[in-house]
Every structure is written in structure tokens, then in C-alpha cells.
């Protein structure tokens, strides 16, 4: 009798385990598909192994669009739009009851000056952006500073300027954050030569940002306008754009990998991404599946997207082979 009961309990336990496992798999798959479908529902052209325009008619229009970022749940999106003969402004859309709202400027749009290049931190708690709006203690704009808005249950807060050491610079642009809170960005001074624009970082130590440091020659080697760096949440790679003689034409996207604290020499991301036009302002979707970037010329450009992991794997393999030579 005891053996029979034990056998029944074992069968019941096995069935329960299988049921729970299948249930968890279904929930995971459903969540995964739902997040993916949120991006697909924004764009008429799905992203595969060829870069295509993202959000045609909604996000990418006849204006000049660049610098896109998503909340971790991919239910809110921000990007920069510049209409002809107009200033930059940050646009946004939200997913409400399964449908995306119409594009509109953010509620904190600058009344004086302009805003651009939004980027959300991996935790989804801070929205960084560049702005020429006057600082709180000034009635006029005195530079391009980084501001940020904090997200709570009530939504996004009114933005405030990023504190020292960033406030001390006259130009800080395209700032992205890792999970550790370390910040990566481009900085310089008004009147600097194109060769002077390079990528910097500031380490977050117990909530306090350390002095700004220029990144090494593996990233900041020859070229002009070395800018718009996107840092991976785990700091395993860094993508940025630069104009180099060895490139495809205009500014190209480059990627460097972090190997045990050392950055590899950045590689051109190749013809799947780069063209004779200008490619700039890279970012990667929160699920790390899609690479987004701007492509265009001086007058017009759109946001494009492409599957990221196959390109990343190929370039990482190439980088490892280069290090063995």
C-alpha cells in the first residue's frame, strides 16, 4: 500500500512539475512575443538582415529623425525630430491598451532653446537628453547641457540638469548609461576642431560621478566627429559613429568589445549597416535584438533598424581573430 501511494504521489509530482514548467514556458514565450510585436506594430517593415526604415510615417517621416530610445518594457518610445527650418524636439509615443498613441512632443519641451538625443537608462528610471534651454540660475542658454527626467508611478518628472562634473562643460551630448550607472558621452568646447570631438566616460561610485575621463585610443583613434556612443547595459560593447578615411563615405558606425576591462580596437560595422550616406546615433533595443541608427544626409534622414545579434557575433569573432595576430 505504501509503495502504491508513493508511486501515485511521484506521478502527481511529476505531472505537477511538467504542468508548471509548460506554464512558465508559455508565459515566457507570450511575454517575449508581446514585446517583439510592440516594435513590429510600430513599423511596416520588419527588421532582419538588412537595415530598413523604422516606423515609416509615424517615427520616420519627411523630417530629420535620429536618436531613438525605449523603456525596458518597450511600451514607450522617444526620439528626435527636426522639421525643415525648425529646431530639434523630442517626440514620444506610448502603448495604451494595445495601441500606440499618435506622436507628440514631450510635455517638458523647452520653451527657450531646444532638446534632442534622448536616452533611457537600462533600469528605465532616468531619461537623459541634451538641451540648450537656460540653466535654473540663468535666463539665457549658455551651452548644450545634459538634463534628465526621473520616472515614477506618476510618470516622468520635470527635468533637471545633470550635476557636476557635467555642468562644468559647455557641450555634452548623447549620454548613455550602463547598468552600473557609468556614463558615456561626447564632450568638447565651442570652437573645437572636428578632430577634437571624442568619447569620454564618467564612473559612478556610490552614486557620485567621478571626473570625466577620455576613453583610450582603441576607440578614439584617427578620424573626425567621434561621437554618439551607445554603451551596452553590461558594458560588454560600445557602439559609436565616426568619420574616417577608411569608412564607407560619411560617418560610419563602429563597435568595440570589452575584454576583461580592456577595450578592443573598434571595428567598422560593415556594409550591412554602413553606406556612403551618414550613419550615426546608434542604440540597441532593451532586449538586445535590434540595432537602431540614423541614416541620411545633411538635409534629410530617417531611423533604421536591423537584427543586431548576427552582426554582433560576426564582429566579435573578427575582433577575437584580430587579437590573435
Protein backbone atom coordinates (compact mmCIF):
# COMPACT_ATOMS: atom_id res chain seq x y z
CA UNK A 1 0.00 0.00 0.00
CA UNK A 2 2.78 2.42 0.92
CA UNK A 3 4.54 1.66 -2.38
CA UNK A 4 1.32 2.31 -4.31
CA UNK A 5 0.76 5.66 -2.60
CA UNK A 6 4.38 6.62 -3.16
CA UNK A 7 4.04 5.79 -6.84
CA UNK A 8 0.85 7.85 -7.13
CA UNK A 9 2.48 10.80 -5.35
CA UNK A 10 5.51 10.54 -7.61
CA UNK A 11 3.31 10.57 -10.71
CA UNK A 12 1.34 13.51 -9.33
CA UNK A 13 4.54 15.39 -8.52
CA UNK A 14 5.90 14.70 -12.00
CA UNK A 15 2.68 15.88 -13.65
CA UNK A 16 2.63 18.99 -11.49
CA UNK A 17 6.24 19.77 -12.38
CA UNK A 18 5.57 19.28 -16.09
CA UNK A 19 2.43 21.42 -15.88
CA UNK A 20 4.24 24.24 -14.09
CA UNK A 21 7.21 24.06 -16.46
CA UNK A 22 4.98 24.21 -19.55
CA UNK A 23 3.05 27.06 -17.98
CA UNK A 24 6.20 29.06 -17.32
CA UNK A 25 7.41 28.45 -20.88
CA UNK A 26 4.08 29.62 -22.29
CA UNK A 27 4.18 32.75 -20.12
CA UNK A 28 7.80 33.49 -21.13
CA UNK A 29 7.05 32.96 -24.83
CA UNK A 30 3.91 35.07 -24.62
CA UNK A 31 5.81 37.90 -22.93
CA UNK A 32 8.67 37.62 -25.44
CA UNK A 33 6.33 37.65 -28.45
CA UNK A 34 4.32 40.52 -26.99
CA UNK A 35 7.40 42.71 -26.55
CA UNK A 36 8.62 41.87 -30.04
CA UNK A 37 5.20 42.60 -31.53
CA UNK A 38 5.24 46.01 -29.85
CA UNK A 39 8.14 47.06 -32.04
CA UNK A 40 6.78 45.35 -35.14
CA UNK A 41 3.45 47.13 -34.69
CA UNK A 42 5.33 50.42 -34.92
CA UNK A 43 6.92 49.62 -38.27
CA UNK A 44 5.60 48.49 -41.64
CA UNK A 45 8.96 46.88 -42.43
CA UNK A 46 10.21 44.13 -40.06
CA UNK A 47 13.95 44.06 -39.35
CA UNK A 48 16.01 41.09 -40.50
CA UNK A 49 19.49 41.02 -42.04
CA UNK A 50 19.04 44.26 -44.00
CA UNK A 51 18.57 47.70 -42.48
CA UNK A 52 15.14 49.16 -43.21
CA UNK A 53 13.31 52.33 -42.20
CA UNK A 54 11.70 52.07 -38.77
CA UNK A 55 8.21 53.39 -38.11
CA UNK A 56 7.65 54.88 -41.54
CA UNK A 57 5.02 57.60 -41.38
CA UNK A 58 4.95 57.59 -37.58
CA UNK A 59 8.53 57.89 -36.36
CA UNK A 60 10.40 58.27 -39.65
CA UNK A 61 8.82 60.99 -41.81
CA UNK A 62 9.88 63.63 -44.32
CA UNK A 63 11.62 65.44 -41.47
CA UNK A 64 15.07 64.68 -39.99
CA UNK A 65 14.82 61.96 -37.31
CA UNK A 66 17.53 60.44 -35.14
CA UNK A 67 18.43 59.17 -31.66
CA UNK A 68 15.72 56.72 -30.59
CA UNK A 69 15.30 55.04 -27.20
CA UNK A 70 12.78 52.72 -25.50
CA UNK A 71 11.64 51.96 -21.97
CA UNK A 72 12.63 48.43 -20.79
CA UNK A 73 9.08 47.14 -21.43
CA UNK A 74 9.22 48.68 -24.91
CA UNK A 75 5.87 50.35 -24.30
CA UNK A 76 7.17 53.90 -24.61
CA UNK A 77 9.49 55.40 -27.20
CA UNK A 78 11.34 58.72 -27.52
CA UNK A 79 13.29 60.14 -30.46
CA UNK A 80 14.47 63.42 -32.01
CA UNK A 81 12.72 65.14 -34.90
CA UNK A 82 13.76 68.28 -36.74
CA UNK A 83 11.41 69.79 -39.28
CA UNK A 84 12.87 71.90 -42.12
CA UNK A 85 13.78 75.38 -40.89
CA UNK A 86 12.93 74.41 -37.33
CA UNK A 87 14.67 73.35 -34.11
CA UNK A 88 15.19 69.87 -32.74
CA UNK A 89 12.46 68.50 -30.48
CA UNK A 90 11.95 65.24 -28.62
CA UNK A 91 8.92 63.22 -29.71
CA UNK A 92 7.21 60.38 -27.87
CA UNK A 93 4.61 57.64 -28.28
CA UNK A 94 3.08 55.31 -25.67
CA UNK A 95 1.46 51.90 -25.94
CA UNK A 96 -2.03 52.21 -24.42
CA UNK A 97 -4.41 49.23 -24.34
CA UNK A 98 -2.51 47.54 -27.13
CA UNK A 99 -2.36 50.56 -29.44
CA UNK A 100 0.34 53.16 -29.98
CA UNK A 101 -0.66 56.78 -29.43
CA UNK A 102 0.00 59.41 -32.08
CA UNK A 103 3.45 61.03 -32.00
CA UNK A 104 3.64 64.22 -29.95
CA UNK A 105 6.32 66.43 -28.38
CA UNK A 106 7.27 65.60 -24.79
CA UNK A 107 5.46 67.58 -22.11
CA UNK A 108 8.72 69.15 -20.92
CA UNK A 109 9.54 70.65 -24.32
CA UNK A 110 11.92 73.60 -23.98
CA UNK A 111 10.23 77.00 -24.09
CA UNK A 112 13.56 78.62 -24.85
CA UNK A 113 16.24 76.69 -26.75
CA UNK A 114 15.78 73.13 -27.95
CA UNK A 115 16.07 69.50 -26.81
CA UNK A 116 17.45 66.42 -28.56
CA UNK A 117 19.04 62.94 -28.34
CA UNK A 118 17.02 61.24 -25.58
CA UNK A 119 18.42 58.06 -24.00
CA UNK A 120 16.82 55.96 -21.23
CA UNK A 121 19.00 54.12 -18.70
CA UNK A 122 18.73 50.28 -18.56
CA UNK A 123 16.57 50.39 -15.42
CA UNK A 124 14.09 52.71 -17.13
CA UNK A 125 14.26 55.21 -14.28
CA UNK A 126 16.04 58.10 -15.99
CA UNK A 127 15.60 59.78 -19.34
CA UNK A 128 18.72 61.74 -20.32
CA UNK A 129 18.71 64.32 -23.12
CA UNK A 130 20.71 67.25 -24.40
CA UNK A 131 19.27 70.75 -24.23
CA UNK A 132 20.19 74.37 -24.90
CA UNK A 133 17.48 75.58 -22.52
CA UNK A 134 18.67 78.04 -19.84
CA UNK A 135 20.02 76.57 -16.63
CA UNK A 136 17.92 77.15 -13.49
CA UNK A 137 20.12 80.03 -12.32
CA UNK A 138 20.26 81.72 -15.74
CA UNK A 139 17.79 83.44 -18.01
CA UNK A 140 19.73 82.59 -21.17
CA UNK A 141 21.24 79.46 -22.66
CA UNK A 142 24.98 79.17 -22.20
CA UNK A 143 25.69 75.80 -23.79
CA UNK A 144 24.48 72.31 -24.60
CA UNK A 145 24.00 70.54 -21.29
CA UNK A 146 22.62 67.18 -20.23
CA UNK A 147 19.31 67.11 -18.41
CA UNK A 148 17.34 64.19 -17.06
CA UNK A 149 13.81 63.29 -16.06
CA UNK A 150 13.03 60.68 -13.38
CA UNK A 151 10.30 58.10 -13.87
CA UNK A 152 7.89 57.20 -11.07
CA UNK A 153 4.44 55.62 -10.84
CA UNK A 154 3.05 59.02 -11.79
CA UNK A 155 5.11 59.27 -14.97
CA UNK A 156 8.12 61.38 -15.89
CA UNK A 157 9.19 64.32 -13.72
CA UNK A 158 10.13 67.80 -14.81
CA UNK A 159 13.76 67.61 -15.94
CA UNK A 160 16.76 68.96 -14.06
CA UNK A 161 20.35 69.47 -15.28
CA UNK A 162 22.89 66.74 -14.64
CA UNK A 163 25.15 67.81 -11.82
CA UNK A 164 28.95 68.26 -11.67
CA UNK A 165 31.23 67.35 -13.39
CA UNK A 166 28.92 67.60 -16.42
CA UNK A 167 27.53 71.04 -15.73
CA UNK A 168 31.07 72.43 -15.96
CA UNK A 169 31.33 71.63 -19.68
CA UNK A 170 29.83 73.91 -22.32
CA UNK A 171 28.92 70.95 -24.56
CA UNK A 172 27.84 67.44 -23.50
CA UNK A 173 25.88 65.32 -25.96
CA UNK A 174 24.45 61.84 -26.49
CA UNK A 175 24.88 60.48 -23.00
CA UNK A 176 24.12 56.80 -22.36
CA UNK A 177 24.23 54.83 -19.12
CA UNK A 178 25.21 51.27 -18.21
CA UNK A 179 23.52 49.19 -15.50
CA UNK A 180 26.24 50.33 -13.10
CA UNK A 181 25.31 53.94 -13.72
CA UNK A 182 28.56 54.69 -15.56
CA UNK A 183 28.01 57.35 -18.23
CA UNK A 184 29.46 57.52 -21.75
CA UNK A 185 29.19 60.61 -23.95
CA UNK A 186 30.87 63.14 -26.22
CA UNK A 187 32.11 66.42 -24.86
CA UNK A 188 34.09 69.38 -26.07
CA UNK A 189 34.14 73.13 -26.17
CA UNK A 190 32.66 75.58 -28.63
CA UNK A 191 35.07 76.21 -31.48
CA UNK A 192 36.81 72.84 -31.18
CA UNK A 193 38.05 71.24 -34.39
CA UNK A 194 36.22 68.14 -35.74
CA UNK A 195 39.23 66.05 -34.66
CA UNK A 196 38.78 67.22 -31.07
CA UNK A 197 35.36 65.63 -30.65
CA UNK A 198 35.87 62.26 -28.98
CA UNK A 199 34.23 59.96 -26.45
CA UNK A 200 34.53 60.27 -22.68
CA UNK A 201 33.24 58.42 -19.64
CA UNK A 202 32.41 59.13 -16.02
CA UNK A 203 32.38 56.32 -13.46
CA UNK A 204 29.59 56.15 -10.90
CA UNK A 205 30.99 55.41 -7.44
CA UNK A 206 28.30 55.00 -4.79
CA UNK A 207 26.02 57.44 -6.59
CA UNK A 208 28.67 60.09 -7.21
CA UNK A 209 30.04 60.73 -10.68
CA UNK A 210 33.81 60.80 -10.92
CA UNK A 211 35.84 63.28 -13.01
CA UNK A 212 35.39 62.96 -16.76
CA UNK A 213 37.97 60.72 -18.46
CA UNK A 214 38.80 60.48 -22.14
CA UNK A 215 38.48 56.92 -23.43
CA UNK A 216 41.56 55.24 -24.91
CA UNK A 217 42.96 55.02 -28.42
CA UNK A 218 41.18 51.72 -29.14
CA UNK A 219 38.05 53.85 -29.53
CA UNK A 220 39.33 57.38 -30.07
CA UNK A 221 41.77 56.75 -32.89
CA UNK A 222 42.10 58.76 -36.11
CA UNK A 223 39.01 60.40 -37.55
CA UNK A 224 36.58 63.26 -37.13
CA UNK A 225 33.37 63.68 -35.16
CA UNK A 226 33.90 60.62 -32.94
CA UNK A 227 30.59 60.77 -31.14
CA UNK A 228 27.20 59.33 -30.15
CA UNK A 229 28.35 56.36 -28.09
CA UNK A 230 25.89 53.68 -27.00
CA UNK A 231 27.12 51.56 -24.10
CA UNK A 232 25.77 48.03 -23.59
CA UNK A 233 23.88 47.62 -20.30
CA UNK A 234 26.59 45.21 -19.05
CA UNK A 235 29.38 47.30 -20.66
CA UNK A 236 30.38 44.37 -22.91
CA UNK A 237 30.47 46.55 -26.02
CA UNK A 238 30.35 50.18 -27.15
CA UNK A 239 28.92 51.39 -30.48
CA UNK A 240 29.56 54.88 -31.81
CA UNK A 241 29.94 56.82 -35.06
CA UNK A 242 32.96 58.48 -36.62
CA UNK A 243 34.07 59.86 -39.97
CA UNK A 244 37.24 58.12 -41.13
CA UNK A 245 39.06 57.88 -44.46
CA UNK A 246 38.78 54.09 -44.30
CA UNK A 247 35.00 54.25 -43.93
CA UNK A 248 32.14 53.83 -46.38
CA UNK A 249 31.66 57.54 -47.01
CA UNK A 250 30.06 59.74 -44.38
CA UNK A 251 30.12 58.88 -40.70
CA UNK A 252 30.03 55.11 -40.08
CA UNK A 253 29.11 53.02 -37.06
CA UNK A 254 31.92 51.25 -35.17
CA UNK A 255 31.91 48.70 -32.35
CA UNK A 256 34.47 47.94 -29.64
CA UNK A 257 34.30 44.98 -27.24
CA UNK A 258 35.21 45.00 -23.56
CA UNK A 259 37.52 42.09 -22.73
CA UNK A 260 38.25 41.86 -19.02
CA UNK A 261 38.30 45.63 -18.66
CA UNK A 262 40.21 46.36 -21.87
CA UNK A 263 38.56 47.74 -24.99
CA UNK A 264 39.41 46.15 -28.33
CA UNK A 265 40.21 48.33 -31.33
CA UNK A 266 36.90 49.42 -32.79
CA UNK A 267 35.72 47.71 -35.98
CA UNK A 268 33.66 49.21 -38.78
CA UNK A 269 30.25 47.53 -38.59
CA UNK A 270 30.32 46.76 -42.31
CA UNK A 271 28.09 47.18 -45.37
CA UNK A 272 25.00 45.73 -43.69
CA UNK A 273 24.96 48.88 -41.59
CA UNK A 274 27.18 51.49 -43.23
CA UNK A 275 26.71 53.17 -46.63
CA UNK A 276 28.09 56.25 -48.46
CA UNK A 277 25.46 58.22 -46.51
CA UNK A 278 25.87 59.22 -42.86
CA UNK A 279 25.10 56.61 -40.20
CA UNK A 280 25.02 57.92 -36.64
CA UNK A 281 23.30 57.88 -33.23
CA UNK A 282 23.21 54.12 -32.55
CA UNK A 283 21.11 52.43 -29.89
CA UNK A 284 20.02 48.86 -29.21
CA UNK A 285 16.57 47.71 -28.13
CA UNK A 286 16.26 46.76 -24.44
CA UNK A 287 16.05 43.06 -25.38
CA UNK A 288 19.33 43.45 -27.32
CA UNK A 289 17.74 42.10 -30.52
CA UNK A 290 17.68 45.18 -32.75
CA UNK A 291 20.17 47.88 -33.66
CA UNK A 292 18.71 51.31 -34.38
CA UNK A 293 20.53 54.21 -36.04
CA UNK A 294 20.07 57.30 -38.20
CA UNK A 295 20.88 57.20 -41.91
CA UNK A 296 20.74 60.21 -44.20
CA UNK A 297 22.46 63.33 -45.47
CA UNK A 298 22.58 66.92 -44.25
CA UNK A 299 19.00 67.67 -45.26
CA UNK A 300 17.01 64.52 -44.61
CA UNK A 301 17.37 61.28 -42.73
CA UNK A 302 15.39 58.56 -41.01
CA UNK A 303 15.77 55.99 -38.26
CA UNK A 304 16.65 52.48 -39.45
CA UNK A 305 16.68 49.11 -37.70
CA UNK A 306 18.29 45.71 -38.29
CA UNK A 307 18.73 42.45 -36.38
CA UNK A 308 21.68 43.01 -34.08
CA UNK A 309 22.85 39.67 -32.71
CA UNK A 310 24.09 38.12 -36.02
CA UNK A 311 26.14 41.25 -36.78
CA UNK A 312 27.47 41.41 -33.23
CA UNK A 313 28.51 37.74 -33.27
CA UNK A 314 30.34 38.12 -36.58
CA UNK A 315 32.21 41.23 -35.46
CA UNK A 316 33.06 39.74 -32.08
CA UNK A 317 34.54 36.71 -33.85
CA UNK A 318 36.53 39.03 -36.14
CA UNK A 319 37.76 41.02 -33.16
CA UNK A 320 38.99 37.87 -31.39
CA UNK A 321 40.85 36.75 -34.51
CA UNK A 322 42.48 40.17 -34.86
CA UNK A 323 43.73 39.99 -31.27
CA UNK A 324 45.48 36.69 -32.01
CA UNK A 325 47.56 38.15 -34.84
